[in-house]
Amino acid sequence: MLKSFAAFTLLTSTLILSGCSDNEVGNVSLGIFTTKDIKLVIVKDPEVPGVSCHIAHVEANLDFADPSDMSIACRQTGLITLAMIAAIDKSKDGEVVFKTSKSILFKSLKVRRIYDAENKTLIYVSYSTKEIEGSHKHSLSTVPLWGNPVWKEVDQLATQ
């Protein structure tokens, strides 16, 4: 009986602590008859810290895999400089700026930044790395540089 209680306490503590995260800003319960919650996290772009992305994704506490659905909204929340734009990957594939595991079997949620030079816009796409019901779940958000002091400066990058 004591071993069962100790195991239950350890499991409960692990589940509670695994839900805690430095970047979690909110938690929406989906009801008392489910172990699934919508987690709201904030991610700062490591190369462009003037951009913050809020991601909503479902976490299934007692399952081996979380659902693949997610949404993303990114906004300028600080300074964006020419040096930051110069340092990012400008290929058509862009680069992964955030990644988190969604299952024990290789499913991840990733956020990739792609730079649209023609429109001077940072594109952030969140996606699942595992196909679910014939689709890779994904969501898109953009941060235009319009109105930002760097708007006129980014043309210099194209000529370099």
C-alpha atoms as a PDB file:
ATOM      1  CA  MET A   1       0.000   0.000   0.000  1.00  0.00           C
ATOM      2  CA  LEU A   2       2.805   2.415   0.912  1.00  0.00           C
ATOM      3  CA  LYS A   3       4.652   1.612  -2.345  1.00  0.00           C
ATOM      4  CA  SER A   4       1.491   2.298  -4.355  1.00  0.00           C
ATOM      5  CA  PHE A   5       1.004   5.636  -2.596  1.00  0.00           C
ATOM      6  CA  ALA A   6       4.656   6.586  -3.176  1.00  0.00           C
ATOM      7  CA  ALA A   7       4.390   5.665  -6.872  1.00  0.00           C
ATOM      8  CA  PHE A   8       1.164   7.677  -7.201  1.00  0.00           C
ATOM      9  CA  THR A   9       2.762  10.685  -5.485  1.00  0.00           C
ATOM     10  CA  LEU A  10       5.821  10.496  -7.748  1.00  0.00           C
ATOM     11  CA  LEU A  11       3.662  10.237 -10.891  1.00  0.00           C
ATOM     12  CA  THR A  12       1.446  13.137  -9.805  1.00  0.00           C
ATOM     13  CA  SER A  13       4.454  15.333  -8.967  1.00  0.00           C
ATOM     14  CA  THR A  14       6.060  14.534 -12.313  1.00  0.00           C
ATOM     15  CA  LEU A  15       2.897  15.439 -14.212  1.00  0.00           C
ATOM     16  CA  ILE A  16       2.457  18.688 -12.311  1.00  0.00           C
ATOM     17  CA  LEU A  17       6.085  19.737 -12.783  1.00  0.00           C
ATOM     18  CA  SER A  18       6.132  18.742 -16.443  1.00  0.00           C
ATOM     19  CA  GLY A  19       3.305  21.207 -17.031  1.00  0.00           C
ATOM     20  CA  CYS A  20       5.367  24.036 -15.553  1.00  0.00           C
ATOM     21  CA  SER A  21       7.472  25.926 -18.018  1.00  0.00           C
ATOM     22  CA  ASP A  22       9.424  29.173 -18.021  1.00  0.00           C
ATOM     23  CA  ASN A  23       7.703  30.222 -21.227  1.00  0.00           C
ATOM     24  CA  GLU A  24       4.133  29.216 -20.288  1.00  0.00           C
ATOM     25  CA  VAL A  25       1.871  32.265 -20.012  1.00  0.00           C
ATOM     26  CA  GLY A  26      -1.511  30.562 -19.719  1.00  0.00           C
ATOM     27  CA  ASN A  27      -3.389  27.318 -19.344  1.00  0.00           C
ATOM     28  CA  VAL A  28      -6.953  26.605 -20.461  1.00  0.00           C
ATOM     29  CA  SER A  29      -8.624  23.518 -19.038  1.00  0.00           C
ATOM     30  CA  LEU A  30     -10.771  21.606 -21.500  1.00  0.00           C
ATOM     31  CA  GLY A  31     -13.016  20.328 -18.711  1.00  0.00           C
ATOM     32  CA  ILE A  32     -13.083  18.013 -15.726  1.00  0.00           C
ATOM     33  CA  PHE A  33     -13.626  14.885 -17.811  1.00  0.00           C
ATOM     34  CA  THR A  34     -10.418  15.174 -19.831  1.00  0.00           C
ATOM     35  CA  THR A  35      -6.695  15.286 -19.125  1.00  0.00           C
ATOM     36  CA  LYS A  36      -6.126  17.663 -22.036  1.00  0.00           C
ATOM     37  CA  ASP A  37      -5.367  21.372 -21.626  1.00  0.00           C
ATOM     38  CA  ILE A  38      -4.552  24.170 -24.025  1.00  0.00           C
ATOM     39  CA  LYS A  39      -1.117  25.511 -23.136  1.00  0.00           C
ATOM     40  CA  LEU A  40      -0.242  29.074 -24.097  1.00  0.00           C
ATOM     41  CA  VAL A  41       3.479  29.707 -24.420  1.00  0.00           C
ATOM     42  CA  ILE A  42       5.607  32.637 -25.502  1.00  0.00           C
ATOM     43  CA  VAL A  43       8.682  32.189 -27.647  1.00  0.00           C
ATOM     44  CA  LYS A  44      11.191  34.928 -28.398  1.00  0.00           C
ATOM     45  CA  ASP A  45      13.017  34.666 -31.703  1.00  0.00           C
ATOM     46  CA  PRO A  46      16.659  34.054 -30.684  1.00  0.00           C
ATOM     47  CA  GLU A  47      18.057  36.051 -33.642  1.00  0.00           C
ATOM     48  CA  VAL A  48      15.356  38.743 -33.655  1.00  0.00           C
ATOM     49  CA  PRO A  49      14.469  39.228 -29.974  1.00  0.00           C
ATOM     50  CA  GLY A  50      12.150  42.098 -30.940  1.00  0.00           C
ATOM     51  CA  VAL A  51       9.667  39.440 -32.122  1.00  0.00           C
ATOM     52  CA  SER A  52       7.507  37.456 -29.706  1.00  0.00           C
ATOM     53  CA  CYS A  53       5.351  34.518 -30.798  1.00  0.00           C
ATOM     54  CA  HIS A  54       2.472  33.173 -28.743  1.00  0.00           C
ATOM     55  CA  ILE A  55       1.693  29.530 -29.442  1.00  0.00           C
ATOM     56  CA  ALA A  56      -1.426  27.677 -28.326  1.00  0.00           C
ATOM     57  CA  HIS A  57      -1.182  23.880 -28.354  1.00  0.00           C
ATOM     58  CA  VAL A  58      -3.000  21.004 -26.687  1.00  0.00           C
ATOM     59  CA  GLU A  59      -1.184  18.991 -24.042  1.00  0.00           C
ATOM     60  CA  ALA A  60      -2.556  15.571 -23.106  1.00  0.00           C
ATOM     61  CA  ASN A  61      -1.077  14.857 -19.679  1.00  0.00           C
ATOM     62  CA  LEU A  62      -1.682  11.097 -19.499  1.00  0.00           C
ATOM     63  CA  ASP A  63      -1.195  10.193 -23.175  1.00  0.00           C
ATOM     64  CA  PHE A  64       1.959   9.120 -24.995  1.00  0.00           C
ATOM     65  CA  ALA A  65       1.411  11.824 -27.620  1.00  0.00           C
ATOM     66  CA  ASP A  66      -0.150  15.258 -27.664  1.00  0.00           C
ATOM     67  CA  PRO A  67      -2.555  16.286 -30.438  1.00  0.00           C
ATOM     68  CA  SER A  68      -0.877  18.016 -33.375  1.00  0.00           C
ATOM     69  CA  ASP A  69      -3.163  21.058 -33.521  1.00  0.00           C
ATOM     70  CA  MET A  70      -1.612  24.422 -32.731  1.00  0.00           C
ATOM     71  CA  SER A  71      -1.935  28.092 -33.568  1.00  0.00           C
ATOM     72  CA  ILE A  72       0.606  30.909 -33.596  1.00  0.00           C
ATOM     73  CA  ALA A  73       0.511  34.696 -33.451  1.00  0.00           C
ATOM     74  CA  CYS A  74       3.725  36.718 -33.740  1.00  0.00           C
ATOM     75  CA  ARG A  75       4.144  40.444 -33.150  1.00  0.00           C
ATOM     76  CA  GLN A  76       6.912  42.995 -32.925  1.00  0.00           C
ATOM     77  CA  THR A  77       7.408  43.600 -29.192  1.00  0.00           C
ATOM     78  CA  GLY A  78      10.779  45.311 -29.289  1.00  0.00           C
ATOM     79  CA  LEU A  79      13.471  46.776 -31.466  1.00  0.00           C
ATOM     80  CA  ILE A  80      14.358  45.066 -34.757  1.00  0.00           C
ATOM     81  CA  THR A  81      17.704  46.188 -36.160  1.00  0.00           C
ATOM     82  CA  LEU A  82      19.490  45.818 -39.465  1.00  0.00           C
ATOM     83  CA  ALA A  83      22.126  43.657 -37.736  1.00  0.00           C
ATOM     84  CA  MET A  84      19.386  41.231 -36.625  1.00  0.00           C
ATOM     85  CA  ILE A  85      17.941  40.977 -40.135  1.00  0.00           C
ATOM     86  CA  ALA A  86      21.447  40.561 -41.577  1.00  0.00           C
ATOM     87  CA  ALA A  87      22.134  37.629 -39.207  1.00  0.00           C
ATOM     88  CA  ILE A  88      19.088  35.513 -40.080  1.00  0.00           C
ATOM     89  CA  ASP A  89      18.939  32.681 -42.608  1.00  0.00           C
ATOM     90  CA  LYS A  90      17.434  34.124 -45.797  1.00  0.00           C
ATOM     91  CA  SER A  91      17.066  30.861 -47.722  1.00  0.00           C
ATOM     92  CA  LYS A  92      13.637  29.704 -48.892  1.00  0.00           C
ATOM     93  CA  ASP A  93      13.691  27.070 -46.103  1.00  0.00           C
ATOM     94  CA  GLY A  94      14.459  29.606 -43.379  1.00  0.00           C
ATOM     95  CA  GLU A  95      15.438  28.232 -39.993  1.00  0.00           C
ATOM     96  CA  VAL A  96      13.858  26.586 -36.970  1.00  0.00           C
ATOM     97  CA  VAL A  97      13.642  29.047 -34.062  1.00  0.00           C
ATOM     98  CA  PHE A  98      11.720  26.824 -31.613  1.00  0.00           C
ATOM     99  CA  LYS A  99      11.130  23.100 -31.153  1.00  0.00           C
ATOM    100  CA  THR A 100       9.342  21.034 -28.516  1.00  0.00           C
ATOM    101  CA  SER A 101       8.497  17.336 -28.292  1.00  0.00           C
ATOM    102  CA  LYS A 102       4.858  16.315 -28.681  1.00  0.00           C
ATOM    103  CA  SER A 103       5.252  12.553 -28.207  1.00  0.00           C
ATOM    104  CA  ILE A 104       7.648   9.816 -27.202  1.00  0.00           C
ATOM    105  CA  LEU A 105       7.701   8.691 -30.845  1.00  0.00           C
ATOM    106  CA  PHE A 106       9.490  11.507 -32.691  1.00  0.00           C
ATOM    107  CA  LYS A 107       6.609  13.979 -33.134  1.00  0.00           C
ATOM    108  CA  SER A 108       7.596  17.610 -32.598  1.00  0.00           C
ATOM    109  CA  LEU A 109       6.065  21.042 -32.799  1.00  0.00           C
ATOM    110  CA  LYS A 110       8.438  23.374 -34.623  1.00  0.00           C
ATOM    111  CA  VAL A 111       8.423  27.070 -35.447  1.00  0.00           C
ATOM    112  CA  ARG A 112      10.359  28.117 -38.520  1.00  0.00           C
ATOM    113  CA  ARG A 113      11.209  31.682 -39.549  1.00  0.00           C
ATOM    114  CA  ILE A 114      11.336  32.551 -43.249  1.00  0.00           C
ATOM    115  CA  TYR A 115      12.266  35.993 -44.552  1.00  0.00           C
ATOM    116  CA  ASP A 116      10.211  37.446 -47.404  1.00  0.00           C
ATOM    117  CA  ALA A 117      12.709  39.977 -48.797  1.00  0.00           C
ATOM    118  CA  GLU A 118      10.369  41.357 -51.468  1.00  0.00           C
ATOM    119  CA  ASN A 119       7.741  42.333 -48.889  1.00  0.00           C
ATOM    120  CA  LYS A 120      10.194  42.929 -46.028  1.00  0.00           C
ATOM    121  CA  THR A 121       8.291  40.554 -43.787  1.00  0.00           C
ATOM    122  CA  LEU A 122       9.275  37.878 -41.276  1.00  0.00           C
ATOM    123  CA  ILE A 123       7.093  34.771 -41.659  1.00  0.00           C
ATOM    124  CA  TYR A 124       6.669  32.333 -38.771  1.00  0.00           C
ATOM    125  CA  VAL A 125       5.107  28.941 -39.443  1.00  0.00           C
ATOM    126  CA  SER A 126       4.373  26.443 -36.681  1.00  0.00           C
ATOM    127  CA  TYR A 127       3.932  22.831 -37.733  1.00  0.00           C
ATOM    128  CA  SER A 128       3.781  19.243 -36.580  1.00  0.00           C
ATOM    129  CA  THR A 129       6.497  16.899 -37.842  1.00  0.00           C
ATOM    130  CA  LYS A 130       4.122  13.939 -38.001  1.00  0.00           C
ATOM    131  CA  GLU A 131       1.305  13.482 -40.498  1.00  0.00           C
ATOM    132  CA  ILE A 132      -2.112  13.190 -38.831  1.00  0.00           C
ATOM    133  CA  GLU A 133      -5.196  12.144 -40.813  1.00  0.00           C
ATOM    134  CA  GLY A 134      -3.418  12.902 -44.093  1.00  0.00           C
ATOM    135  CA  SER A 135      -2.219  16.344 -43.056  1.00  0.00           C
ATOM    136  CA  HIS A 136       0.688  18.007 -41.326  1.00  0.00           C
ATOM    137  CA  LYS A 137      -1.010  20.467 -38.975  1.00  0.00           C
ATOM    138  CA  HIS A 138       0.361  23.987 -39.319  1.00  0.00           C
ATOM    139  CA  SER A 139      -0.339  27.647 -38.624  1.00  0.00           C
ATOM    140  CA  LEU A 140       1.157  30.889 -39.967  1.00  0.00           C
ATOM    141  CA  SER A 141       1.858  34.386 -38.671  1.00  0.00           C
ATOM    142  CA  THR A 142       3.761  37.322 -40.168  1.00  0.00           C
ATOM    143  CA  VAL A 143       5.646  40.323 -38.794  1.00  0.00           C
ATOM    144  CA  PRO A 144       5.929  43.026 -41.459  1.00  0.00           C
ATOM    145  CA  LEU A 145       8.794  45.471 -41.049  1.00  0.00           C
ATOM    146  CA  TRP A 146       6.577  48.297 -42.380  1.00  0.00           C
ATOM    147  CA  GLY A 147       6.648  51.287 -40.056  1.00  0.00           C
ATOM    148  CA  ASN A 148       9.826  50.011 -38.394  1.00  0.00           C
ATOM    149  CA  PRO A 149      13.001  52.147 -38.675  1.00  0.00           C
ATOM    150  CA  VAL A 150      14.723  49.129 -40.275  1.00  0.00           C
ATOM    151  CA  TRP A 151      12.240  49.208 -43.233  1.00  0.00           C
ATOM    152  CA  LYS A 152      14.423  51.453 -45.431  1.00  0.00           C
ATOM    153  CA  GLU A 153      17.680  49.898 -44.232  1.00  0.00           C
ATOM    154  CA  VAL A 154      16.899  46.319 -45.346  1.00  0.00           C
ATOM    155  CA  ASP A 155      17.263  47.367 -48.983  1.00  0.00           C
ATOM    156  CA  GLN A 156      20.976  47.745 -48.234  1.00  0.00           C
ATOM    157  CA  LEU A 157      21.185  44.000 -47.529  1.00  0.00           C
ATOM    158  CA  ALA A 158      20.027  43.154 -51.039  1.00  0.00           C
ATOM    159  CA  THR A 159      22.787  45.241 -52.591  1.00  0.00           C
ATOM    160  CA  GLN A 160      25.584  43.804 -50.440  1.00  0.00           C
END
